């Protein structure tokens, strides 16, 4: 896997990975539904698999889904860092700090 996220630079690369992994595992086990894909034309379709073109569009997840993703990604970050602040995984999950 290639990424342009600098590793070890304090930019949250492990948090972004943990959020992606948590989302994939939660969706794969049915704990959260696969998200509906909002295409570039604005149509909404439930997705069983995201194609490369769909990955460039917006994906909609419920507040409960995001909360579960954030919680699981924080647990994963604890394995990586020991005592993470929770800010990095929250920003990666919600796109902002959630107070």
Protein backbone atom coordinates (compact mmCIF):
# COMPACT_ATOMS: atom_id res chain seq x y z
CA UNK A 1 0.00 0.00 0.00
CA UNK A 2 1.35 3.40 -0.96
CA UNK A 3 0.45 6.65 0.74
CA UNK A 4 1.53 10.24 0.62
CA UNK A 5 0.94 10.64 4.37
CA UNK A 6 4.35 11.13 6.02
CA UNK A 7 4.97 8.43 8.62
CA UNK A 8 6.41 9.54 11.95
CA UNK A 9 5.90 13.24 11.23
CA UNK A 10 3.17 13.79 13.83
CA UNK A 11 0.50 14.32 11.18
CA UNK A 12 -1.89 11.58 12.28
CA UNK A 13 -0.96 8.91 9.75
CA UNK A 14 -1.61 6.13 12.25
CA UNK A 15 -4.96 7.67 13.21
CA UNK A 16 -6.07 7.90 9.60
CA UNK A 17 -5.08 4.28 9.06
CA UNK A 18 -6.93 3.22 12.24
CA UNK A 19 -10.09 5.06 11.14
CA UNK A 20 -9.98 3.42 7.69
CA UNK A 21 -9.32 -0.01 9.16
CA UNK A 22 -12.04 0.37 11.81
CA UNK A 23 -14.55 1.48 9.18
CA UNK A 24 -13.72 -1.44 6.91
CA UNK A 25 -13.92 -3.99 9.72
CA UNK A 26 -17.15 -2.58 11.14
CA UNK A 27 -18.75 -2.56 7.68
CA UNK A 28 -17.39 -6.00 6.84
CA UNK A 29 -18.86 -7.51 10.00
CA UNK A 30 -22.20 -5.75 9.59
CA UNK A 31 -21.82 -3.54 12.69
CA UNK A 32 -22.34 -0.52 10.46
CA UNK A 33 -24.09 -0.61 7.10
CA UNK A 34 -22.13 -0.07 3.95
CA UNK A 35 -22.69 3.59 3.25
CA UNK A 36 -24.83 5.02 0.51
CA UNK A 37 -22.78 6.68 -2.16
CA UNK A 38 -23.75 10.18 -3.25
CA UNK A 39 -22.53 10.35 -6.82
CA UNK A 40 -21.22 13.43 -8.58
CA UNK A 41 -24.65 13.87 -10.19
CA UNK A 42 -26.31 13.89 -6.76
CA UNK A 43 -28.02 10.49 -6.98
CA UNK A 44 -27.88 8.23 -3.93
CA UNK A 45 -27.30 4.51 -4.22
CA UNK A 46 -26.63 1.88 -1.57
CA UNK A 47 -23.25 0.36 -2.22
CA UNK A 48 -22.08 -3.20 -1.78
CA UNK A 49 -18.65 -2.24 -3.05
CA UNK A 50 -17.13 1.13 -3.83
CA UNK A 51 -15.56 1.48 -7.22
CA UNK A 52 -12.64 3.80 -7.98
CA UNK A 53 -15.00 6.43 -9.35
CA UNK A 54 -17.27 6.17 -6.29
CA UNK A 55 -14.28 6.67 -4.01
CA UNK A 56 -14.02 10.19 -5.39
CA UNK A 57 -17.58 11.08 -4.33
CA UNK A 58 -19.13 11.85 -0.96
CA UNK A 59 -20.09 9.00 1.37
CA UNK A 60 -22.81 9.46 3.96
CA UNK A 61 -22.60 7.81 7.41
CA UNK A 62 -24.94 8.32 10.36
CA UNK A 63 -23.86 10.04 13.56
CA UNK A 64 -24.06 6.69 15.37
CA UNK A 65 -21.85 5.04 12.74
CA UNK A 66 -19.26 7.80 13.04
CA UNK A 67 -19.30 7.54 16.84
CA UNK A 68 -18.66 3.79 16.65
CA UNK A 69 -15.87 4.27 14.09
CA UNK A 70 -14.27 6.94 16.29
CA UNK A 71 -14.49 4.74 19.39
CA UNK A 72 -12.94 1.69 17.68
CA UNK A 73 -10.23 3.75 16.00
CA UNK A 74 -9.28 5.21 19.39
CA UNK A 75 -8.92 1.67 20.76
CA UNK A 76 -6.66 0.82 17.80
CA UNK A 77 -4.63 3.99 18.43
CA UNK A 78 -4.15 2.86 22.05
CA UNK A 79 -2.44 -0.24 20.70
CA UNK A 80 -0.17 1.92 18.53
CA UNK A 81 0.58 4.78 20.96
CA UNK A 82 -0.42 3.66 24.42
CA UNK A 83 -2.11 6.91 25.49
CA UNK A 84 -3.40 8.84 22.45
CA UNK A 85 -5.30 12.07 23.04
CA UNK A 86 -8.20 11.06 20.81
CA UNK A 87 -7.89 14.24 18.79
CA UNK A 88 -6.23 12.69 15.72
CA UNK A 89 -8.76 9.89 15.30
CA UNK A 90 -11.64 12.33 15.93
CA UNK A 91 -10.39 14.70 13.24
CA UNK A 92 -9.95 11.78 10.84
CA UNK A 93 -13.44 10.48 11.60
CA UNK A 94 -15.45 13.70 11.73
CA UNK A 95 -13.24 16.04 9.69
CA UNK A 96 -12.92 18.34 12.71
CA UNK A 97 -12.43 18.25 16.47
CA UNK A 98 -15.58 17.15 18.25
CA UNK A 99 -15.96 18.57 21.74
